[in-house]
Amino acid sequence: MKKNKLLHDFIKCGVIGWCMEILVTAFDAFRRREPTLTGHTSLFMFPIYGAACLLRPLCILFSGFHWIVRGLLYMSCIFGAEFLSGRFLKKRERCPWAYDRSGWNVGGVIRLDYAPAWFLVGLLFERVILGEPGEKDGRKMKKRVDNSDGFL
């Protein structure tokens, strides 16, 4: 894999992650009826979200699997990354999130009730990393037309 592609995917995943987090926290402010609808994130989150670019080999390896299987795989990877990065930051008192008050938390750094969100985010990052179906490295591939069955 080219370094430029990896860096490009890292930046795309980091920015998308930041934007998603700002939107989610702003919607949470809406739910709490805060009139400013302030969303927020942390600088620490950029490399954590950006690390999703490392899913590329798995995305390619599992590209033939059903989207549910791929989503579950990505969700598991995201939970693992969130747990490891959360523990690392928490030990240094730098963790920007604290899930201790949630009944579904593991170690105060992951929330199992976020599983559906991470499932969808994983599939989103797959599209970001691999491009649209029918693309290779961001370039459109020519469709091969097979008329061997005589239909059309």
Protein backbone atom coordinates (compact mmCIF):
# COMPACT_ATOMS: atom_id res chain seq x y z
CA MET A 1 0.00 0.00 0.00
CA LYS A 2 1.31 3.41 -0.88
CA LYS A 3 2.18 5.76 1.98
CA ASN A 4 0.22 8.57 0.32
CA LYS A 5 -2.93 6.40 0.23
CA LEU A 6 -2.49 5.45 3.88
CA LEU A 7 -1.97 9.09 4.90
CA HIS A 8 -4.93 10.22 2.77
CA ASP A 9 -7.18 7.55 4.35
CA PHE A 10 -5.87 8.46 7.84
CA ILE A 11 -6.82 12.11 7.32
CA LYS A 12 -10.23 11.24 5.81
CA CYS A 13 -11.10 8.86 8.67
CA GLY A 14 -9.87 11.34 11.30
CA VAL A 15 -11.90 14.22 9.89
CA ILE A 16 -15.02 12.10 9.41
CA GLY A 17 -14.67 10.78 12.97
CA TRP A 18 -14.32 14.28 14.36
CA CYS A 19 -17.38 15.47 12.42
CA MET A 20 -19.46 12.49 13.57
CA GLU A 21 -18.48 13.10 17.18
CA ILE A 22 -19.33 16.79 16.98
CA LEU A 23 -22.73 15.97 15.46
CA VAL A 24 -23.51 13.29 18.06
CA THR A 25 -22.57 15.55 20.97
CA ALA A 26 -24.58 18.41 19.45
CA PHE A 27 -27.63 16.14 19.14
CA ASP A 28 -27.09 15.17 22.77
CA ALA A 29 -27.14 18.89 23.65
CA PHE A 30 -30.43 19.15 21.72
CA ARG A 31 -31.81 16.24 23.76
CA ARG A 32 -30.81 18.08 26.96
CA ARG A 33 -32.53 21.22 25.55
CA GLU A 34 -29.34 23.28 25.51
CA PRO A 35 -30.08 26.18 23.15
CA THR A 36 -26.49 26.49 21.86
CA LEU A 37 -26.45 22.91 20.48
CA THR A 38 -22.72 22.82 21.15
CA GLY A 39 -20.90 19.77 19.86
CA HIS A 40 -17.37 18.93 20.91
CA THR A 41 -14.46 16.55 20.48
CA SER A 42 -10.81 16.26 21.53
CA LEU A 43 -7.54 16.47 19.63
CA PHE A 44 -6.80 12.98 20.95
CA MET A 45 -9.73 11.67 18.90
CA PHE A 46 -8.24 12.53 15.51
CA PRO A 47 -5.56 9.81 15.55
CA ILE A 48 -7.98 7.36 17.14
CA TYR A 49 -10.53 7.84 14.35
CA GLY A 50 -7.75 8.13 11.78
CA ALA A 51 -6.47 4.71 12.80
CA ALA A 52 -9.54 3.27 11.06
CA CYS A 53 -7.43 3.46 7.90
CA LEU A 54 -5.62 0.40 9.27
CA LEU A 55 -8.80 -1.61 8.63
CA ARG A 56 -8.00 -1.58 4.89
CA PRO A 57 -6.44 -5.11 4.80
CA LEU A 58 -9.48 -6.51 6.63
CA CYS A 59 -11.83 -4.62 4.31
CA ILE A 60 -10.13 -6.21 1.31
CA LEU A 61 -9.88 -9.67 2.90
CA PHE A 62 -13.56 -9.76 3.90
CA SER A 63 -14.96 -7.89 0.89
CA GLY A 64 -16.78 -11.00 -0.33
CA PHE A 65 -18.56 -11.57 2.98
CA HIS A 66 -22.11 -10.43 3.74
CA TRP A 67 -22.33 -6.84 5.00
CA ILE A 68 -23.63 -8.03 8.39
CA VAL A 69 -20.50 -10.15 8.94
CA ARG A 70 -18.28 -7.25 7.86
CA GLY A 71 -20.17 -4.82 10.11
CA LEU A 72 -19.76 -7.15 13.11
CA LEU A 73 -16.05 -7.52 12.36
CA TYR A 74 -15.52 -3.76 12.10
CA MET A 75 -17.60 -3.15 15.23
CA SER A 76 -15.38 -5.58 17.14
CA CYS A 77 -12.24 -3.86 15.85
CA ILE A 78 -13.60 -0.45 16.84
CA PHE A 79 -14.47 -1.70 20.33
CA GLY A 80 -10.95 -3.11 20.64
CA ALA A 81 -9.34 0.13 19.49
CA GLU A 82 -11.60 2.19 21.77
CA PHE A 83 -10.76 -0.05 24.73
CA LEU A 84 -7.00 0.02 24.15
CA SER A 85 -6.81 3.75 23.44
CA GLY A 86 -9.18 4.51 26.32
CA ARG A 87 -7.12 2.48 28.81
CA PHE A 88 -3.90 4.08 27.52
CA LEU A 89 -5.31 7.61 27.91
CA LYS A 90 -7.09 6.86 31.20
CA LYS A 91 -3.83 5.67 32.81
CA ARG A 92 -2.37 9.07 31.91
CA GLU A 93 -5.51 10.93 33.03
CA ARG A 94 -6.06 12.18 29.47
CA CYS A 95 -9.10 10.16 28.37
CA PRO A 96 -11.65 12.58 26.86
CA TRP A 97 -14.57 10.23 27.54
CA ALA A 98 -15.81 8.58 30.73
CA TYR A 99 -18.48 5.91 30.57
CA ASP A 100 -18.34 4.93 34.25
CA ARG A 101 -21.94 6.04 34.83
CA SER A 102 -23.33 3.86 32.03
CA GLY A 103 -24.59 0.43 33.04
CA TRP A 104 -23.26 -1.00 29.79
CA ASN A 105 -19.64 0.14 30.25
CA VAL A 106 -16.54 -2.01 30.23
CA GLY A 107 -13.73 -0.50 32.27
CA GLY A 108 -15.32 2.92 31.90
CA VAL A 109 -13.83 3.21 28.41
CA ILE A 110 -16.31 1.43 26.13
CA ARG A 111 -20.11 1.23 26.08
CA LEU A 112 -21.66 -1.92 24.73
CA ASP A 113 -24.90 -0.04 23.94
CA TYR A 114 -22.91 1.81 21.25
CA ALA A 115 -22.61 -1.45 19.28
CA PRO A 116 -25.18 -0.46 16.59
CA ALA A 117 -23.43 2.88 16.04
CA TRP A 118 -19.98 1.26 15.74
CA PHE A 119 -21.45 -1.35 13.37
CA LEU A 120 -22.62 1.43 11.04
CA VAL A 121 -19.47 3.53 11.49
CA GLY A 122 -17.37 0.52 10.54
CA LEU A 123 -19.31 0.09 7.29
CA LEU A 124 -19.00 3.83 6.63
CA PHE A 125 -15.22 3.68 7.10
CA GLU A 126 -15.12 0.67 4.75
CA ARG A 127 -16.67 2.86 2.01
CA VAL A 128 -14.27 5.69 2.83
CA ILE A 129 -11.23 3.40 2.71
CA LEU A 130 -12.18 1.29 -0.31
CA GLY A 131 -14.19 3.86 -2.23
CA GLU A 132 -17.48 3.23 -3.95
CA PRO A 133 -18.28 -0.28 -5.20
CA GLY A 134 -16.70 -0.65 -8.60
CA GLU A 135 -13.72 1.55 -7.70
CA LYS A 136 -10.13 0.51 -7.20
CA ASP A 137 -7.97 2.88 -5.19
CA GLY A 138 -10.47 5.67 -5.77
CA ARG A 139 -10.54 5.24 -9.57
CA LYS A 140 -13.64 4.07 -11.43
CA MET A 141 -13.20 0.64 -12.96
CA LYS A 142 -14.69 -0.12 -16.36
CA LYS A 143 -17.60 -2.51 -16.08
CA ARG A 144 -17.20 -5.70 -18.01
CA VAL A 145 -20.35 -6.63 -19.87
CA ASP A 146 -21.00 -10.34 -20.14
CA ASN A 147 -23.68 -11.17 -22.67
CA SER A 148 -22.96 -14.90 -22.69
CA ASP A 149 -26.42 -15.80 -21.38
CA GLY A 150 -28.08 -14.01 -24.29
CA PHE A 151 -30.00 -11.65 -22.04
CA LEU A 152 -29.63 -8.05 -23.17
